[in-house]
Amino acid sequence: MEHKIWFDDEHQLIQMKIKGDYTTEETLYLGKKCIELLEGKPYRQMIVDLREFDNMESRETRSVSNSMLNQAGITDVAYVGANAAARMIAKVLMKLGSLKAEADFFKDFNDAVQWIEKRRNKI
């Protein structure tokens, strides 16, 4: 697995970098890791770097991904560098209500951080 997940102490959020294809098995692992990393943290926010993302394995993968984000209590997700297809899938899932977090898309990491930090005032 080339994907990475870590807690960014400077910005007080989870960062995840998805490289290549994203499978259901990887989603389960990363979701559990996300829950662990957020234990005792004041915010439930994350930035997902999709600049090197290729493809999501299946509908099940999307469903499991949303379920894991919901289980972790994620309130805000900033997607960086998502291609048009990834943005479309995420927007549909948000409208269907399967993703409970607020989400937005950014080309630049710094813009994503600013959006996340502004959202903290609403928590």
C-alpha atoms as a PDB file:
ATOM      1  CA  MET A   1       0.000   0.000   0.000  1.00  0.00           C
ATOM      2  CA  GLU A   2       1.434   3.340  -1.054  1.00  0.00           C
ATOM      3  CA  HIS A   3      -1.190   5.428   0.739  1.00  0.00           C
ATOM      4  CA  LYS A   4      -0.167   7.409   3.804  1.00  0.00           C
ATOM      5  CA  ILE A   5      -2.078   8.669   6.824  1.00  0.00           C
ATOM      6  CA  TRP A   6      -0.771  10.728   9.731  1.00  0.00           C
ATOM      7  CA  PHE A   7      -1.799  13.294  12.304  1.00  0.00           C
ATOM      8  CA  ASP A   8      -0.520  16.748  11.398  1.00  0.00           C
ATOM      9  CA  ASP A   9       0.336  18.329  14.762  1.00  0.00           C
ATOM     10  CA  GLU A  10       0.913  21.775  13.261  1.00  0.00           C
ATOM     11  CA  HIS A  11      -2.578  22.007  11.755  1.00  0.00           C
ATOM     12  CA  GLN A  12      -4.310  19.649  14.252  1.00  0.00           C
ATOM     13  CA  LEU A  13      -5.876  17.413  11.605  1.00  0.00           C
ATOM     14  CA  ILE A  14      -5.488  14.107   9.803  1.00  0.00           C
ATOM     15  CA  GLN A  15      -3.677  14.107   6.501  1.00  0.00           C
ATOM     16  CA  MET A  16      -4.150  11.293   4.046  1.00  0.00           C
ATOM     17  CA  LYS A  17      -2.380  10.840   0.719  1.00  0.00           C
ATOM     18  CA  ILE A  18      -3.941   8.387  -1.724  1.00  0.00           C
ATOM     19  CA  LYS A  19      -1.586   7.054  -4.402  1.00  0.00           C
ATOM     20  CA  GLY A  20      -2.822   4.879  -7.230  1.00  0.00           C
ATOM     21  CA  ASP A  21      -5.856   2.631  -6.839  1.00  0.00           C
ATOM     22  CA  TYR A  22      -7.837   2.578  -3.591  1.00  0.00           C
ATOM     23  CA  THR A  23      -9.239  -0.791  -2.462  1.00  0.00           C
ATOM     24  CA  THR A  24     -11.858  -1.768   0.093  1.00  0.00           C
ATOM     25  CA  GLU A  25      -9.226  -3.539   2.211  1.00  0.00           C
ATOM     26  CA  GLU A  26      -7.065  -0.389   2.260  1.00  0.00           C
ATOM     27  CA  THR A  27     -10.108   1.698   3.139  1.00  0.00           C
ATOM     28  CA  LEU A  28     -10.808  -0.458   6.186  1.00  0.00           C
ATOM     29  CA  TYR A  29      -7.196  -0.222   7.359  1.00  0.00           C
ATOM     30  CA  LEU A  30      -6.953   3.550   6.837  1.00  0.00           C
ATOM     31  CA  GLY A  31     -10.340   4.123   8.471  1.00  0.00           C
ATOM     32  CA  LYS A  32      -9.263   2.264  11.604  1.00  0.00           C
ATOM     33  CA  LYS A  33      -5.968   4.143  11.618  1.00  0.00           C
ATOM     34  CA  CYS A  34      -7.873   7.429  11.338  1.00  0.00           C
ATOM     35  CA  ILE A  35      -9.938   6.549  14.412  1.00  0.00           C
ATOM     36  CA  GLU A  36      -6.749   5.711  16.347  1.00  0.00           C
ATOM     37  CA  LEU A  37      -4.977   8.908  15.312  1.00  0.00           C
ATOM     38  CA  LEU A  38      -7.912  11.090  16.368  1.00  0.00           C
ATOM     39  CA  GLU A  39      -8.225   9.609  19.853  1.00  0.00           C
ATOM     40  CA  GLY A  40      -8.147  12.462  22.354  1.00  0.00           C
ATOM     41  CA  LYS A  41      -7.857  15.146  19.657  1.00  0.00           C
ATOM     42  CA  PRO A  42     -10.082  18.252  19.798  1.00  0.00           C
ATOM     43  CA  TYR A  43     -10.995  18.332  16.073  1.00  0.00           C
ATOM     44  CA  ARG A  44     -12.259  15.682  13.680  1.00  0.00           C
ATOM     45  CA  GLN A  45     -11.020  17.136  10.418  1.00  0.00           C
ATOM     46  CA  MET A  46      -8.921  15.860   7.556  1.00  0.00           C
ATOM     47  CA  ILE A  47      -7.235  16.800   4.317  1.00  0.00           C
ATOM     48  CA  VAL A  48      -7.123  14.118   1.636  1.00  0.00           C
ATOM     49  CA  ASP A  49      -4.495  14.567  -1.084  1.00  0.00           C
ATOM     50  CA  LEU A  50      -5.847  13.042  -4.306  1.00  0.00           C
ATOM     51  CA  ARG A  51      -3.236  14.397  -6.700  1.00  0.00           C
ATOM     52  CA  GLU A  52      -1.887  10.869  -7.318  1.00  0.00           C
ATOM     53  CA  PHE A  53      -5.201   9.019  -6.953  1.00  0.00           C
ATOM     54  CA  ASP A  54      -6.126   6.739  -9.853  1.00  0.00           C
ATOM     55  CA  ASN A  55      -9.270   4.740  -9.189  1.00  0.00           C
ATOM     56  CA  MET A  56     -11.565   3.496  -6.456  1.00  0.00           C
ATOM     57  CA  GLU A  57     -12.035  -0.264  -6.536  1.00  0.00           C
ATOM     58  CA  SER A  58     -15.839  -0.431  -6.335  1.00  0.00           C
ATOM     59  CA  ARG A  59     -19.075   0.992  -4.981  1.00  0.00           C
ATOM     60  CA  GLU A  60     -18.409  -1.046  -1.858  1.00  0.00           C
ATOM     61  CA  THR A  61     -15.117   0.830  -1.420  1.00  0.00           C
ATOM     62  CA  ARG A  62     -16.950   4.166  -1.579  1.00  0.00           C
ATOM     63  CA  SER A  63     -19.542   2.956   0.898  1.00  0.00           C
ATOM     64  CA  VAL A  64     -16.910   1.627   3.324  1.00  0.00           C
ATOM     65  CA  SER A  65     -14.907   4.853   2.985  1.00  0.00           C
ATOM     66  CA  ASN A  66     -17.911   6.971   3.965  1.00  0.00           C
ATOM     67  CA  SER A  67     -18.805   4.601   6.783  1.00  0.00           C
ATOM     68  CA  MET A  68     -15.276   4.808   8.213  1.00  0.00           C
ATOM     69  CA  LEU A  69     -15.286   8.623   8.031  1.00  0.00           C
ATOM     70  CA  ASN A  70     -18.645   8.667   9.805  1.00  0.00           C
ATOM     71  CA  GLN A  71     -17.414   6.205  12.471  1.00  0.00           C
ATOM     72  CA  ALA A  72     -14.384   8.436  13.090  1.00  0.00           C
ATOM     73  CA  GLY A  73     -16.738  11.384  13.582  1.00  0.00           C
ATOM     74  CA  ILE A  74     -15.065  13.410  10.823  1.00  0.00           C
ATOM     75  CA  THR A  75     -16.739  16.812  10.613  1.00  0.00           C
ATOM     76  CA  ASP A  76     -14.828  18.351   7.707  1.00  0.00           C
ATOM     77  CA  VAL A  77     -12.918  16.941   4.737  1.00  0.00           C
ATOM     78  CA  ALA A  78     -10.849  19.029   2.331  1.00  0.00           C
ATOM     79  CA  TYR A  79      -9.951  17.187  -0.870  1.00  0.00           C
ATOM     80  CA  VAL A  80      -6.828  18.491  -2.613  1.00  0.00           C
ATOM     81  CA  GLY A  81      -6.149  17.865  -6.291  1.00  0.00           C
ATOM     82  CA  ALA A  82      -9.170  15.685  -7.079  1.00  0.00           C
ATOM     83  CA  ASN A  83      -9.817  15.000 -10.740  1.00  0.00           C
ATOM     84  CA  ALA A  84     -13.259  15.664 -12.238  1.00  0.00           C
ATOM     85  CA  ALA A  85     -14.462  12.064 -11.802  1.00  0.00           C
ATOM     86  CA  ALA A  86     -13.442  11.935  -8.122  1.00  0.00           C
ATOM     87  CA  ARG A  87     -15.142  15.280  -7.448  1.00  0.00           C
ATOM     88  CA  MET A  88     -18.337  14.081  -9.114  1.00  0.00           C
ATOM     89  CA  ILE A  89     -18.442  10.854  -7.055  1.00  0.00           C
ATOM     90  CA  ALA A  90     -17.821  12.733  -3.801  1.00  0.00           C
ATOM     91  CA  LYS A  91     -20.494  15.333  -4.585  1.00  0.00           C
ATOM     92  CA  VAL A  92     -23.083  12.639  -5.302  1.00  0.00           C
ATOM     93  CA  LEU A  93     -22.276  10.860  -2.031  1.00  0.00           C
ATOM     94  CA  MET A  94     -22.553  14.127  -0.106  1.00  0.00           C
ATOM     95  CA  LYS A  95     -25.954  14.865  -1.645  1.00  0.00           C
ATOM     96  CA  LEU A  96     -27.184  11.362  -0.854  1.00  0.00           C
ATOM     97  CA  GLY A  97     -26.234  11.932   2.762  1.00  0.00           C
ATOM     98  CA  SER A  98     -23.944   8.919   3.057  1.00  0.00           C
ATOM     99  CA  LEU A  99     -21.064  11.236   3.991  1.00  0.00           C
ATOM    100  CA  LYS A 100     -22.002  13.219   7.100  1.00  0.00           C
ATOM    101  CA  ALA A 101     -18.978  15.534   6.997  1.00  0.00           C
ATOM    102  CA  GLU A 102     -18.873  18.895   5.285  1.00  0.00           C
ATOM    103  CA  ALA A 103     -16.511  18.662   2.326  1.00  0.00           C
ATOM    104  CA  ASP A 104     -14.974  20.876  -0.317  1.00  0.00           C
ATOM    105  CA  PHE A 105     -12.374  20.651  -3.071  1.00  0.00           C
ATOM    106  CA  PHE A 106      -9.155  22.614  -3.437  1.00  0.00           C
ATOM    107  CA  LYS A 107      -6.259  22.822  -5.858  1.00  0.00           C
ATOM    108  CA  ASP A 108      -3.888  24.092  -3.191  1.00  0.00           C
ATOM    109  CA  PHE A 109      -3.010  22.619   0.227  1.00  0.00           C
ATOM    110  CA  ASN A 110      -2.846  26.041   1.918  1.00  0.00           C
ATOM    111  CA  ASP A 111      -6.362  26.889   0.723  1.00  0.00           C
ATOM    112  CA  ALA A 112      -7.566  23.585   2.191  1.00  0.00           C
ATOM    113  CA  VAL A 113      -5.943  24.370   5.561  1.00  0.00           C
ATOM    114  CA  GLN A 114      -7.536  27.838   5.632  1.00  0.00           C
ATOM    115  CA  TRP A 115     -10.983  26.371   4.929  1.00  0.00           C
ATOM    116  CA  ILE A 116     -10.549  23.747   7.675  1.00  0.00           C
ATOM    117  CA  GLU A 117      -9.432  26.366  10.202  1.00  0.00           C
ATOM    118  CA  LYS A 118     -12.421  28.616   9.374  1.00  0.00           C
ATOM    119  CA  ARG A 119     -14.736  25.638   9.911  1.00  0.00           C
ATOM    120  CA  ARG A 120     -13.410  25.324  13.490  1.00  0.00           C
ATOM    121  CA  ASN A 121     -15.179  28.527  14.403  1.00  0.00           C
ATOM    122  CA  LYS A 122     -18.460  26.771  13.532  1.00  0.00           C
ATOM    123  CA  ILE A 123     -17.782  23.685  15.684  1.00  0.00           C
END
